[in-house]
């Protein structure tokens, strides 16, 4: 009986350790097996919003947003000064990613680390996707991000109401201080042309579990 209890205790400890390892691994995945920037998918259209500034009406638009949701690329400085909107995003489970600085700002690796820390502190997880503000990825930056098991992304085109749609299209809407954005037009577009997640666009299915490639 004592041996059986010891074996059960050992099995339990192994199970707990294994579960901890799985929990550590699951939060991130690599969409590619080498440092590659994804700029186009294959299935449907994906809409992304690059958020660095809160235009008038943006908070109301977020509150009224209905699925299927766009992907919100959030600037770390915007995250820190917008806690109320971050709570809306978390409550509605709107998918998010990290919007970085211009590519020339990453000569110091600490810049990326600080951005990831801000993102994780506010959203409770590390980002799965990352994009530079100027859509440029030097080789050193590609390797740095890939080694963090974060996927790199740039848009196929900037969204406008007359943009011709095609399968695999990844559209982006810059929401910066100098941007002109009509939220009513954007809502109408999303109602008339349902968008899919970046995972569904790239892989052809909805990603339920985050994992490493086999």
N, C-alpha and C. Protein backbone atom coordinates (compact mmCIF):
# COMPACT_ATOMS: atom_id res chain seq x y z
N UNK A 1 0.83 -1.22 0.00
CA UNK A 1 0.00 0.00 0.00
C UNK A 1 0.87 1.27 0.00
N UNK A 2 1.97 1.20 0.81
CA UNK A 2 2.85 2.37 0.88
C UNK A 2 3.48 2.66 -0.50
N UNK A 3 3.88 1.59 -1.21
CA UNK A 3 4.47 1.75 -2.53
C UNK A 3 3.47 2.37 -3.52
N UNK A 4 2.23 1.92 -3.42
CA UNK A 4 1.18 2.45 -4.31
C UNK A 4 0.97 3.93 -4.06
N UNK A 5 0.94 4.31 -2.78
CA UNK A 5 0.76 5.73 -2.44
C UNK A 5 1.93 6.58 -2.92
N UNK A 6 3.15 6.02 -2.80
CA UNK A 6 4.32 6.75 -3.28
C UNK A 6 4.28 6.94 -4.80
N UNK A 7 3.87 5.86 -5.49
CA UNK A 7 3.74 5.95 -6.95
C UNK A 7 2.69 6.96 -7.36
N UNK A 8 1.57 6.98 -6.65
CA UNK A 8 0.51 7.96 -6.95
C UNK A 8 0.99 9.38 -6.69
N UNK A 9 1.72 9.57 -5.60
CA UNK A 9 2.26 10.90 -5.29
C UNK A 9 3.24 11.35 -6.35
N UNK A 10 4.10 10.42 -6.82
CA UNK A 10 5.06 10.74 -7.86
C UNK A 10 4.35 11.09 -9.17
N UNK A 11 3.33 10.31 -9.50
CA UNK A 11 2.56 10.58 -10.73
C UNK A 11 1.89 11.95 -10.65
N UNK A 12 1.38 12.30 -9.47
CA UNK A 12 0.73 13.60 -9.29
C UNK A 12 1.73 14.73 -9.49
N UNK A 13 2.94 14.59 -8.93
CA UNK A 13 3.97 15.62 -9.07
C UNK A 13 4.38 15.79 -10.53
N UNK A 14 4.50 14.67 -11.25
CA UNK A 14 4.85 14.73 -12.68
C UNK A 14 3.75 15.44 -13.45
N UNK A 15 2.49 15.14 -13.12
CA UNK A 15 1.36 15.77 -13.80
C UNK A 15 1.35 17.27 -13.56
N UNK A 16 1.59 17.69 -12.32
CA UNK A 16 1.62 19.12 -11.99
C UNK A 16 2.74 19.81 -12.75
N UNK A 17 3.94 19.19 -12.80
CA UNK A 17 5.08 19.77 -13.51
C UNK A 17 4.76 19.90 -15.00
N UNK A 18 4.16 18.82 -15.58
CA UNK A 18 3.82 18.82 -17.00
C UNK A 18 2.80 19.91 -17.32
N UNK A 19 1.81 20.05 -16.45
CA UNK A 19 0.78 21.07 -16.65
C UNK A 19 1.38 22.47 -16.61
N UNK A 20 2.35 22.67 -15.69
CA UNK A 20 3.03 23.97 -15.59
C UNK A 20 3.79 24.28 -16.86
N UNK A 21 4.45 23.24 -17.42
CA UNK A 21 5.20 23.44 -18.65
C UNK A 21 4.27 23.79 -19.79
N UNK A 22 3.13 23.10 -19.89
CA UNK A 22 2.16 23.38 -20.95
C UNK A 22 1.64 24.80 -20.83
N UNK A 23 1.33 25.22 -19.60
CA UNK A 23 0.83 26.57 -19.37
C UNK A 23 1.85 27.61 -19.79
N UNK A 24 3.13 27.30 -19.60
CA UNK A 24 4.19 28.23 -19.98
C UNK A 24 4.30 28.33 -21.49
N UNK A 25 4.10 27.20 -22.18
CA UNK A 25 4.29 27.16 -23.63
C UNK A 25 3.11 27.75 -24.39
N UNK A 26 1.89 27.52 -23.92
CA UNK A 26 0.71 27.86 -24.70
C UNK A 26 0.51 29.33 -25.04
N UNK A 27 0.98 30.31 -24.24
CA UNK A 27 0.65 31.69 -24.57
C UNK A 27 1.18 32.21 -25.89
N UNK A 28 2.16 31.57 -26.52
CA UNK A 28 2.69 32.09 -27.78
C UNK A 28 2.81 30.99 -28.82
N UNK A 29 2.88 31.41 -30.09
CA UNK A 29 3.14 30.46 -31.16
C UNK A 29 3.85 31.20 -32.27
N UNK A 30 4.57 30.44 -33.13
CA UNK A 30 5.18 31.00 -34.33
C UNK A 30 4.37 30.55 -35.53
N UNK A 31 3.95 31.51 -36.35
CA UNK A 31 3.20 31.17 -37.56
C UNK A 31 4.13 30.69 -38.66
N UNK A 32 5.42 31.02 -38.55
CA UNK A 32 6.38 30.62 -39.57
C UNK A 32 7.57 29.94 -38.89
N UNK A 33 8.33 29.17 -39.67
CA UNK A 33 9.47 28.43 -39.13
C UNK A 33 10.78 29.20 -39.26
N UNK A 34 10.72 30.41 -39.78
CA UNK A 34 11.88 31.27 -39.88
C UNK A 34 11.39 32.71 -39.81
N UNK A 35 12.28 33.68 -39.53
CA UNK A 35 11.81 35.07 -39.40
C UNK A 35 11.21 35.60 -40.71
N UNK A 36 9.89 35.66 -40.76
CA UNK A 36 9.17 36.07 -41.96
C UNK A 36 8.08 37.06 -41.58
N UNK A 37 7.92 38.09 -42.41
CA UNK A 37 6.87 39.08 -42.19
C UNK A 37 5.65 38.70 -43.02
N UNK A 38 4.51 38.52 -42.36
CA UNK A 38 3.27 38.16 -43.06
C UNK A 38 2.58 39.42 -43.54
N UNK A 39 2.31 39.50 -44.83
CA UNK A 39 1.67 40.68 -45.41
C UNK A 39 0.39 40.33 -46.16
N UNK A 40 0.09 39.06 -46.27
CA UNK A 40 -1.12 38.64 -46.99
C UNK A 40 -1.50 37.24 -46.52
N UNK A 41 -2.80 37.01 -46.43
CA UNK A 41 -3.29 35.70 -46.07
C UNK A 41 -3.82 34.96 -47.29
N UNK A 42 -4.83 34.12 -47.07
CA UNK A 42 -5.39 33.31 -48.15
C UNK A 42 -6.91 33.27 -48.15
N UNK A 43 -7.52 33.54 -46.99
CA UNK A 43 -8.95 33.27 -46.84
C UNK A 43 -9.66 34.48 -46.26
N UNK A 44 -10.50 35.13 -47.05
CA UNK A 44 -11.27 36.26 -46.55
C UNK A 44 -10.41 37.51 -46.41
N UNK A 45 -10.94 38.48 -45.64
CA UNK A 45 -10.23 39.74 -45.42
C UNK A 45 -10.10 40.01 -43.93
N UNK A 46 -8.96 40.58 -43.55
CA UNK A 46 -8.71 40.94 -42.16
C UNK A 46 -8.56 42.45 -42.06
N UNK A 47 -9.14 43.01 -41.02
CA UNK A 47 -9.05 44.45 -40.78
C UNK A 47 -8.26 44.70 -39.51
N UNK A 48 -7.28 45.59 -39.61
CA UNK A 48 -6.47 45.95 -38.45
C UNK A 48 -6.60 47.45 -38.19
N UNK A 49 -6.54 47.84 -36.92
CA UNK A 49 -6.52 49.25 -36.54
C UNK A 49 -5.22 49.53 -35.81
N UNK A 50 -4.44 50.50 -36.30
CA UNK A 50 -3.19 50.90 -35.65
C UNK A 50 -3.51 52.05 -34.69
N UNK A 51 -3.49 51.80 -33.41
CA UNK A 51 -4.00 52.77 -32.44
C UNK A 51 -2.85 53.42 -31.66
N UNK A 52 -2.65 54.71 -31.91
CA UNK A 52 -1.69 55.49 -31.12
C UNK A 52 -2.34 56.73 -30.52
N UNK A 53 -3.60 57.01 -30.92
CA UNK A 53 -4.26 58.24 -30.48
C UNK A 53 -5.76 57.98 -30.35
N UNK A 54 -6.37 58.57 -29.33
CA UNK A 54 -7.81 58.39 -29.10
C UNK A 54 -8.59 59.55 -29.70
N UNK A 55 -9.07 59.35 -30.92
CA UNK A 55 -9.91 60.36 -31.55
C UNK A 55 -11.25 60.46 -30.83
N UNK A 56 -11.90 61.59 -30.98
CA UNK A 56 -13.22 61.78 -30.39
C UNK A 56 -14.18 60.71 -30.93
N UNK A 57 -14.85 60.04 -30.05
CA UNK A 57 -15.81 59.01 -30.44
C UNK A 57 -15.23 57.62 -30.50
N UNK A 58 -13.91 57.49 -30.32
CA UNK A 58 -13.29 56.17 -30.41
C UNK A 58 -13.75 55.25 -29.28
N UNK A 59 -13.88 55.80 -28.07
CA UNK A 59 -14.32 54.97 -26.94
C UNK A 59 -15.75 54.47 -27.14
N UNK A 60 -16.62 55.34 -27.66
CA UNK A 60 -18.01 54.94 -27.93
C UNK A 60 -18.05 53.88 -29.03
N UNK A 61 -17.21 54.06 -30.05
CA UNK A 61 -17.15 53.09 -31.14
C UNK A 61 -16.72 51.72 -30.61
N UNK A 62 -15.73 51.71 -29.71
CA UNK A 62 -15.28 50.46 -29.11
C UNK A 62 -16.40 49.79 -28.31
N UNK A 63 -17.12 50.59 -27.53
CA UNK A 63 -18.20 50.04 -26.70
C UNK A 63 -19.30 49.42 -27.56
N UNK A 64 -19.55 49.97 -28.73
CA UNK A 64 -20.62 49.48 -29.59
C UNK A 64 -20.14 48.46 -30.62
N UNK A 65 -18.85 48.17 -30.63
CA UNK A 65 -18.29 47.25 -31.62
C UNK A 65 -18.84 45.85 -31.42
N UNK A 66 -19.19 45.20 -32.52
CA UNK A 66 -19.73 43.85 -32.48
C UNK A 66 -18.83 42.91 -33.29
N UNK A 67 -18.81 41.65 -32.86
CA UNK A 67 -18.02 40.64 -33.58
C UNK A 67 -18.65 40.39 -34.97
N UNK A 68 -17.83 39.99 -35.96
CA UNK A 68 -16.40 39.69 -35.87
C UNK A 68 -15.56 40.97 -35.73
N UNK A 69 -14.60 40.93 -34.83
CA UNK A 69 -13.82 42.11 -34.48
C UNK A 69 -12.62 42.29 -35.40
N UNK A 70 -12.17 43.54 -35.55
CA UNK A 70 -10.87 43.77 -36.19
C UNK A 70 -9.75 43.45 -35.20
N UNK A 71 -8.53 43.42 -35.69
CA UNK A 71 -7.36 43.25 -34.83
C UNK A 71 -6.85 44.63 -34.44
N UNK A 72 -6.77 44.89 -33.14
CA UNK A 72 -6.30 46.20 -32.66
C UNK A 72 -4.81 46.13 -32.37
N UNK A 73 -4.02 46.87 -33.14
CA UNK A 73 -2.59 46.98 -32.89
C UNK A 73 -2.37 48.19 -31.99
N UNK A 74 -1.95 47.93 -30.77
CA UNK A 74 -1.93 48.97 -29.74
C UNK A 74 -0.51 49.44 -29.44
N UNK A 75 -0.32 50.74 -29.49
CA UNK A 75 0.95 51.37 -29.13
C UNK A 75 1.10 51.34 -27.61
N UNK A 76 2.30 51.04 -27.12
CA UNK A 76 2.51 50.89 -25.67
C UNK A 76 2.21 52.18 -24.91
N UNK A 77 2.56 53.33 -25.48
CA UNK A 77 2.27 54.61 -24.81
C UNK A 77 0.76 54.83 -24.73
N UNK A 78 0.03 54.46 -25.79
CA UNK A 78 -1.43 54.57 -25.77
C UNK A 78 -2.02 53.64 -24.71
N UNK A 79 -1.48 52.44 -24.61
CA UNK A 79 -1.96 51.48 -23.60
C UNK A 79 -1.86 52.09 -22.21
N UNK A 80 -0.73 52.71 -21.91
CA UNK A 80 -0.50 53.25 -20.56
C UNK A 80 -1.44 54.41 -20.23
N UNK A 81 -1.81 55.20 -21.22
CA UNK A 81 -2.66 56.36 -20.92
C UNK A 81 -4.15 56.10 -21.20
N UNK A 82 -4.51 54.85 -21.50
CA UNK A 82 -5.90 54.55 -21.86
C UNK A 82 -6.46 53.36 -21.09
N UNK A 83 -6.36 53.36 -19.77
CA UNK A 83 -6.81 52.19 -18.99
C UNK A 83 -8.29 51.88 -19.16
N UNK A 84 -9.12 52.92 -19.29
CA UNK A 84 -10.57 52.68 -19.42
C UNK A 84 -10.87 51.94 -20.73
N UNK A 85 -10.21 52.33 -21.81
CA UNK A 85 -10.45 51.66 -23.09
C UNK A 85 -9.84 50.26 -23.12
N UNK A 86 -8.74 50.07 -22.41
CA UNK A 86 -8.17 48.73 -22.30
C UNK A 86 -9.15 47.80 -21.62
N UNK A 87 -9.87 48.29 -20.62
CA UNK A 87 -10.87 47.46 -19.93
C UNK A 87 -12.01 47.09 -20.89
N UNK A 88 -12.42 48.03 -21.74
CA UNK A 88 -13.45 47.72 -22.74
C UNK A 88 -12.96 46.61 -23.67
N UNK A 89 -11.73 46.75 -24.13
CA UNK A 89 -11.14 45.76 -25.04
C UNK A 89 -11.08 44.39 -24.38
N UNK A 90 -10.67 44.35 -23.12
CA UNK A 90 -10.56 43.08 -22.41
C UNK A 90 -11.95 42.47 -22.15
N UNK A 91 -12.90 43.30 -21.74
CA UNK A 91 -14.26 42.81 -21.46
C UNK A 91 -14.90 42.21 -22.70
N UNK A 92 -14.67 42.84 -23.85
CA UNK A 92 -15.29 42.36 -25.10
C UNK A 92 -14.44 41.30 -25.80
N UNK A 93 -13.24 41.07 -25.25
CA UNK A 93 -12.31 40.09 -25.81
C UNK A 93 -11.98 40.41 -27.27
N UNK A 94 -11.72 41.66 -27.54
CA UNK A 94 -11.29 42.08 -28.88
C UNK A 94 -9.84 41.68 -29.06
N UNK A 95 -9.48 41.03 -30.16
CA UNK A 95 -8.09 40.60 -30.35
C UNK A 95 -7.15 41.79 -30.48
N UNK A 96 -5.98 41.67 -29.88
CA UNK A 96 -5.02 42.77 -29.90
C UNK A 96 -3.64 42.27 -30.30
N UNK A 97 -2.79 43.22 -30.70
CA UNK A 97 -1.40 42.96 -31.01
C UNK A 97 -0.61 44.19 -30.59
N UNK A 98 0.70 44.11 -30.69
CA UNK A 98 1.56 45.21 -30.28
C UNK A 98 2.00 46.03 -31.49
N UNK A 99 1.74 47.33 -31.45
CA UNK A 99 2.22 48.25 -32.47
C UNK A 99 3.48 48.92 -31.95
N UNK A 100 4.55 48.75 -32.67
CA UNK A 100 5.82 49.29 -32.22
C UNK A 100 6.12 50.69 -32.73
N UNK A 101 7.36 51.10 -32.50
CA UNK A 101 7.86 52.37 -33.02
C UNK A 101 8.28 52.19 -34.48
N UNK A 102 8.89 53.22 -35.06
CA UNK A 102 9.52 53.05 -36.35
C UNK A 102 10.70 52.09 -36.20
N UNK A 103 11.02 51.39 -37.27
CA UNK A 103 12.04 50.33 -37.22
C UNK A 103 13.40 50.84 -36.76
N UNK A 104 13.71 52.10 -37.04
CA UNK A 104 15.02 52.65 -36.68
C UNK A 104 15.19 52.83 -35.18
N UNK A 105 14.12 52.69 -34.40
CA UNK A 105 14.19 52.88 -32.95
C UNK A 105 14.63 51.63 -32.20
N UNK A 106 14.90 50.53 -32.92
CA UNK A 106 15.17 49.26 -32.24
C UNK A 106 16.63 48.84 -32.27
N UNK A 107 17.53 49.83 -32.37
CA UNK A 107 18.95 49.50 -32.26
C UNK A 107 19.27 49.02 -30.84
N UNK A 108 18.46 49.45 -29.89
CA UNK A 108 18.58 48.99 -28.51
C UNK A 108 17.46 47.99 -28.24
N UNK A 109 17.82 46.76 -27.90
CA UNK A 109 16.83 45.71 -27.67
C UNK A 109 15.88 46.03 -26.52
N UNK A 110 16.31 46.91 -25.61
CA UNK A 110 15.48 47.23 -24.45
C UNK A 110 14.18 47.92 -24.85
N UNK A 111 14.18 48.59 -26.01
CA UNK A 111 12.97 49.28 -26.47
C UNK A 111 11.84 48.27 -26.65
N UNK A 112 12.13 47.18 -27.34
CA UNK A 112 11.12 46.13 -27.55
C UNK A 112 10.72 45.49 -26.23
N UNK A 113 11.69 45.22 -25.37
CA UNK A 113 11.40 44.60 -24.08
C UNK A 113 10.45 45.46 -23.25
N UNK A 114 10.70 46.76 -23.26
CA UNK A 114 9.84 47.67 -22.49
C UNK A 114 8.42 47.70 -23.05
N UNK A 115 8.29 47.67 -24.37
CA UNK A 115 6.96 47.66 -24.99
C UNK A 115 6.20 46.38 -24.64
N UNK A 116 6.89 45.26 -24.70
CA UNK A 116 6.25 43.98 -24.38
C UNK A 116 5.83 43.96 -22.91
N UNK A 117 6.66 44.52 -22.03
CA UNK A 117 6.34 44.56 -20.61
C UNK A 117 5.06 45.36 -20.35
N UNK A 118 4.92 46.52 -21.02
CA UNK A 118 3.72 47.35 -20.88
C UNK A 118 2.50 46.59 -21.38
N UNK A 119 2.63 45.96 -22.54
CA UNK A 119 1.52 45.20 -23.12
C UNK A 119 1.09 44.08 -22.17
N UNK A 120 2.05 43.32 -21.68
CA UNK A 120 1.74 42.19 -20.82
C UNK A 120 1.12 42.63 -19.50
N UNK A 121 1.61 43.73 -18.94
CA UNK A 121 1.08 44.22 -17.67
C UNK A 121 -0.39 44.62 -17.80
N UNK A 122 -0.77 45.24 -18.90
CA UNK A 122 -2.14 45.72 -19.08
C UNK A 122 -3.09 44.66 -19.61
N UNK A 123 -2.59 43.78 -20.49
CA UNK A 123 -3.47 42.82 -21.14
C UNK A 123 -3.31 41.39 -20.61
N UNK A 124 -2.34 41.19 -19.72
CA UNK A 124 -2.21 39.91 -19.05
C UNK A 124 -1.57 38.81 -19.86
N UNK A 125 -0.97 39.14 -20.99
CA UNK A 125 -0.33 38.13 -21.84
C UNK A 125 0.65 38.84 -22.77
N UNK A 126 1.58 38.09 -23.31
CA UNK A 126 2.49 38.66 -24.29
C UNK A 126 1.80 38.71 -25.65
N UNK A 127 2.19 39.63 -26.50
CA UNK A 127 1.54 39.73 -27.82
C UNK A 127 1.91 38.55 -28.71
N UNK A 128 0.96 38.13 -29.55
CA UNK A 128 1.23 37.11 -30.55
C UNK A 128 1.69 37.72 -31.86
N UNK A 129 1.34 39.00 -32.07
CA UNK A 129 1.64 39.69 -33.33
C UNK A 129 2.28 41.04 -33.03
N UNK A 130 3.15 41.47 -33.93
CA UNK A 130 3.86 42.74 -33.77
C UNK A 130 4.02 43.39 -35.14
N UNK A 131 3.89 44.71 -35.15
CA UNK A 131 4.11 45.46 -36.38
C UNK A 131 4.82 46.77 -36.06
N UNK A 132 5.80 47.14 -36.86
CA UNK A 132 6.44 48.44 -36.70
C UNK A 132 5.54 49.52 -37.31
N UNK A 133 5.67 50.72 -36.82
CA UNK A 133 4.81 51.81 -37.29
C UNK A 133 5.09 52.16 -38.75
N UNK A 134 6.35 51.94 -39.20
CA UNK A 134 6.69 52.27 -40.59
C UNK A 134 6.64 51.05 -41.51
N UNK A 135 6.17 49.90 -41.00
CA UNK A 135 6.03 48.65 -41.77
C UNK A 135 7.37 48.10 -42.26
N UNK A 136 8.46 48.44 -41.61
CA UNK A 136 9.79 47.99 -42.03
C UNK A 136 10.36 47.08 -40.93
N UNK A 137 11.01 45.98 -41.36
CA UNK A 137 11.62 45.03 -40.43
C UNK A 137 13.05 44.73 -40.87
N UNK A 138 14.05 45.43 -40.33
CA UNK A 138 15.44 45.06 -40.61
C UNK A 138 15.71 43.63 -40.12
N UNK A 139 16.73 43.01 -40.67
CA UNK A 139 17.02 41.60 -40.36
C UNK A 139 17.25 41.38 -38.86
N UNK A 140 17.99 42.28 -38.22
CA UNK A 140 18.26 42.10 -36.78
C UNK A 140 16.97 42.15 -35.97
N UNK A 141 16.06 43.04 -36.36
CA UNK A 141 14.78 43.15 -35.66
C UNK A 141 13.93 41.91 -35.91
N UNK A 142 13.95 41.40 -37.13
CA UNK A 142 13.22 40.17 -37.44
C UNK A 142 13.66 39.03 -36.53
N UNK A 143 14.97 38.86 -36.41
CA UNK A 143 15.50 37.78 -35.58
C UNK A 143 15.13 37.98 -34.11
N UNK A 144 15.21 39.23 -33.65
CA UNK A 144 14.89 39.53 -32.26
C UNK A 144 13.45 39.18 -31.94
N UNK A 145 12.53 39.57 -32.81
CA UNK A 145 11.11 39.31 -32.58
C UNK A 145 10.80 37.82 -32.73
N UNK A 146 11.38 37.19 -33.73
CA UNK A 146 11.15 35.76 -33.94
C UNK A 146 11.62 34.95 -32.75
N UNK A 147 12.76 35.32 -32.17
CA UNK A 147 13.28 34.61 -31.01
C UNK A 147 12.38 34.78 -29.78
N UNK A 148 11.56 35.83 -29.77
CA UNK A 148 10.57 36.01 -28.70
C UNK A 148 9.28 35.24 -28.99
N UNK A 149 9.26 34.50 -30.10
CA UNK A 149 8.09 33.75 -30.54
C UNK A 149 6.89 34.67 -30.76
N UNK A 150 7.17 35.81 -31.37
CA UNK A 150 6.13 36.76 -31.76
C UNK A 150 6.13 36.86 -33.28
N UNK A 151 4.95 36.88 -33.88
CA UNK A 151 4.82 36.92 -35.33
C UNK A 151 4.82 38.35 -35.85
N UNK A 152 5.40 38.55 -37.02
CA UNK A 152 5.53 39.88 -37.62
C UNK A 152 4.48 40.07 -38.72
N UNK A 153 3.98 41.28 -38.79
CA UNK A 153 2.81 41.54 -39.62
C UNK A 153 2.90 42.93 -40.24
N UNK A 154 2.52 43.06 -41.52
CA UNK A 154 2.31 44.36 -42.14
C UNK A 154 1.06 44.25 -43.02
N UNK A 155 0.41 45.37 -43.32
CA UNK A 155 -0.81 45.28 -44.13
C UNK A 155 -0.52 45.09 -45.61
N UNK A 156 -1.48 44.46 -46.30
CA UNK A 156 -1.44 44.41 -47.76
C UNK A 156 -1.74 45.79 -48.33
N UNK A 157 -2.69 46.49 -47.68
CA UNK A 157 -3.11 47.81 -48.16
C UNK A 157 -3.74 48.59 -47.01
N UNK A 158 -3.76 49.90 -47.15
CA UNK A 158 -4.47 50.75 -46.19
C UNK A 158 -5.94 50.77 -46.59
N UNK A 159 -6.80 50.67 -45.58
CA UNK A 159 -8.23 50.61 -45.85
C UNK A 159 -8.78 51.97 -46.29
N UNK A 160 -9.68 51.94 -47.28
CA UNK A 160 -10.55 53.07 -47.59
C UNK A 160 -11.84 52.47 -48.14
N UNK A 161 -12.90 53.26 -48.13
CA UNK A 161 -14.23 52.69 -48.39
C UNK A 161 -14.38 52.11 -49.79
N UNK A 162 -13.51 52.50 -50.73
CA UNK A 162 -13.61 51.99 -52.10
C UNK A 162 -12.51 50.96 -52.41
N UNK A 163 -11.84 50.46 -51.38
CA UNK A 163 -10.76 49.49 -51.60
C UNK A 163 -11.35 48.21 -52.17
N UNK A 164 -10.87 47.73 -53.33
CA UNK A 164 -11.36 46.46 -53.88
C UNK A 164 -10.93 45.28 -53.00
N UNK A 165 -11.86 44.40 -52.71
CA UNK A 165 -11.58 43.29 -51.80
C UNK A 165 -11.15 42.06 -52.58
N UNK A 166 -10.25 41.30 -51.97
CA UNK A 166 -9.79 40.03 -52.53
C UNK A 166 -9.41 39.11 -51.39
N UNK A 167 -9.44 37.81 -51.64
CA UNK A 167 -9.09 36.85 -50.60
C UNK A 167 -7.66 37.07 -50.12
N UNK A 168 -7.49 37.01 -48.83
CA UNK A 168 -6.16 37.15 -48.25
C UNK A 168 -5.77 38.57 -47.90
N UNK A 169 -6.62 39.52 -48.23
CA UNK A 169 -6.30 40.93 -48.00
C UNK A 169 -6.19 41.24 -46.51
N UNK A 170 -5.12 41.93 -46.13
CA UNK A 170 -4.94 42.42 -44.76
C UNK A 170 -4.95 43.94 -44.82
N UNK A 171 -6.05 44.54 -44.36
CA UNK A 171 -6.24 45.99 -44.45
C UNK A 171 -5.91 46.65 -43.11
N UNK A 172 -5.34 47.84 -43.19
CA UNK A 172 -5.00 48.54 -41.96
C UNK A 172 -5.58 49.95 -41.96
N UNK A 173 -6.02 50.38 -40.78
CA UNK A 173 -6.55 51.73 -40.60
C UNK A 173 -5.67 52.45 -39.58
N UNK A 174 -4.82 53.38 -40.00
CA UNK A 174 -4.01 54.14 -39.04
C UNK A 174 -4.88 55.09 -38.22
N UNK A 175 -4.81 54.96 -36.91
CA UNK A 175 -5.52 55.88 -36.02
C UNK A 175 -4.47 56.62 -35.20
N UNK A 176 -3.89 57.63 -35.84
CA UNK A 176 -2.84 58.44 -35.23
C UNK A 176 -3.37 59.85 -35.01
N UNK A 177 -2.58 60.69 -34.38
CA UNK A 177 -3.02 62.06 -34.09
C UNK A 177 -3.36 62.83 -35.36
N UNK A 178 -2.66 62.55 -36.46
CA UNK A 178 -2.89 63.28 -37.71
C UNK A 178 -3.80 62.52 -38.68
N UNK A 179 -4.38 61.41 -38.24
CA UNK A 179 -5.26 60.62 -39.11
C UNK A 179 -6.65 61.25 -39.20
N UNK A 180 -7.29 61.04 -40.34
CA UNK A 180 -8.70 61.41 -40.52
C UNK A 180 -9.48 60.11 -40.61
N UNK A 181 -10.34 59.88 -39.63
CA UNK A 181 -11.06 58.61 -39.56
C UNK A 181 -12.55 58.84 -39.37
N UNK A 182 -13.35 58.16 -40.20
CA UNK A 182 -14.80 58.24 -40.10
C UNK A 182 -15.29 56.90 -39.55
N UNK A 183 -15.65 56.89 -38.26
CA UNK A 183 -16.03 55.64 -37.62
C UNK A 183 -17.35 55.09 -38.16
N UNK A 184 -18.24 55.96 -38.64
CA UNK A 184 -19.49 55.49 -39.22
C UNK A 184 -19.22 54.71 -40.51
N UNK A 185 -18.33 55.24 -41.35
CA UNK A 185 -17.98 54.53 -42.58
C UNK A 185 -17.31 53.20 -42.27
N UNK A 186 -16.47 53.20 -41.26
CA UNK A 186 -15.78 51.97 -40.88
C UNK A 186 -16.77 50.91 -40.39
N UNK A 187 -17.73 51.32 -39.57
CA UNK A 187 -18.75 50.40 -39.08
C UNK A 187 -19.58 49.86 -40.23
N UNK A 188 -19.98 50.72 -41.17
CA UNK A 188 -20.76 50.30 -42.32
C UNK A 188 -19.99 49.29 -43.15
N UNK A 189 -18.71 49.54 -43.35
CA UNK A 189 -17.88 48.60 -44.12
C UNK A 189 -17.86 47.24 -43.44
N UNK A 190 -17.69 47.21 -42.11
CA UNK A 190 -17.61 45.95 -41.39
C UNK A 190 -18.94 45.20 -41.42
N UNK A 191 -20.04 45.93 -41.46
CA UNK A 191 -21.36 45.31 -41.55
C UNK A 191 -21.59 44.69 -42.93
N UNK A 192 -21.09 45.36 -43.96
CA UNK A 192 -21.31 44.90 -45.33
C UNK A 192 -20.28 43.88 -45.78
N UNK A 193 -19.09 43.92 -45.17
CA UNK A 193 -18.00 43.03 -45.57
C UNK A 193 -17.38 42.40 -44.32
N UNK A 194 -18.02 41.36 -43.78
CA UNK A 194 -17.49 40.76 -42.54
C UNK A 194 -16.03 40.37 -42.67
N UNK A 195 -15.28 40.64 -41.62
CA UNK A 195 -13.85 40.35 -41.63
C UNK A 195 -13.57 39.08 -40.83
N UNK A 196 -12.40 38.50 -41.07
CA UNK A 196 -11.99 37.30 -40.34
C UNK A 196 -10.73 37.63 -39.54
N UNK A 197 -10.42 36.79 -38.57
CA UNK A 197 -9.22 36.99 -37.77
C UNK A 197 -7.98 36.78 -38.63
N UNK A 198 -6.84 37.28 -38.16
CA UNK A 198 -5.60 37.09 -38.90
C UNK A 198 -5.24 35.61 -38.97
N UNK A 199 -5.54 34.85 -37.90
CA UNK A 199 -5.25 33.42 -37.91
C UNK A 199 -6.09 32.69 -38.96
N UNK A 200 -7.37 33.04 -39.03
CA UNK A 200 -8.24 32.40 -40.00
C UNK A 200 -7.83 32.77 -41.42
N UNK A 201 -7.40 34.01 -41.61
CA UNK A 201 -6.97 34.46 -42.93
C UNK A 201 -5.71 33.73 -43.39
N UNK A 202 -4.77 33.57 -42.48
CA UNK A 202 -3.48 32.95 -42.83
C UNK A 202 -3.58 31.43 -42.89
N UNK A 203 -4.25 30.82 -41.89
CA UNK A 203 -4.25 29.36 -41.78
C UNK A 203 -5.51 28.71 -42.34
N UNK A 204 -6.58 29.47 -42.47
CA UNK A 204 -7.81 28.89 -42.98
C UNK A 204 -8.71 28.33 -41.91
N UNK A 205 -8.39 28.57 -40.64
CA UNK A 205 -9.25 28.12 -39.55
C UNK A 205 -9.11 29.06 -38.38
N UNK A 206 -10.08 29.01 -37.48
CA UNK A 206 -10.02 29.83 -36.29
C UNK A 206 -9.09 29.18 -35.29
N UNK A 207 -8.15 29.95 -34.79
CA UNK A 207 -7.16 29.43 -33.85
C UNK A 207 -7.75 29.42 -32.45
N UNK A 208 -8.01 28.24 -31.92
CA UNK A 208 -8.57 28.11 -30.58
C UNK A 208 -7.49 27.98 -29.52
N UNK A 209 -6.37 27.34 -29.88
CA UNK A 209 -5.28 27.13 -28.94
C UNK A 209 -3.99 27.66 -29.54
N UNK A 210 -3.24 28.40 -28.76
CA UNK A 210 -1.98 28.96 -29.22
C UNK A 210 -0.89 27.91 -29.01
N UNK A 211 -0.10 27.64 -30.05
CA UNK A 211 0.84 26.54 -29.94
C UNK A 211 2.09 26.82 -30.77
N UNK A 212 3.10 26.00 -30.57
CA UNK A 212 4.28 26.01 -31.40
C UNK A 212 4.02 25.16 -32.63
N UNK A 213 4.72 25.41 -33.76
CA UNK A 213 4.57 24.52 -34.92
C UNK A 213 5.13 23.14 -34.62
N UNK A 214 4.58 22.13 -35.28
CA UNK A 214 5.07 20.76 -35.09
C UNK A 214 6.43 20.61 -35.79
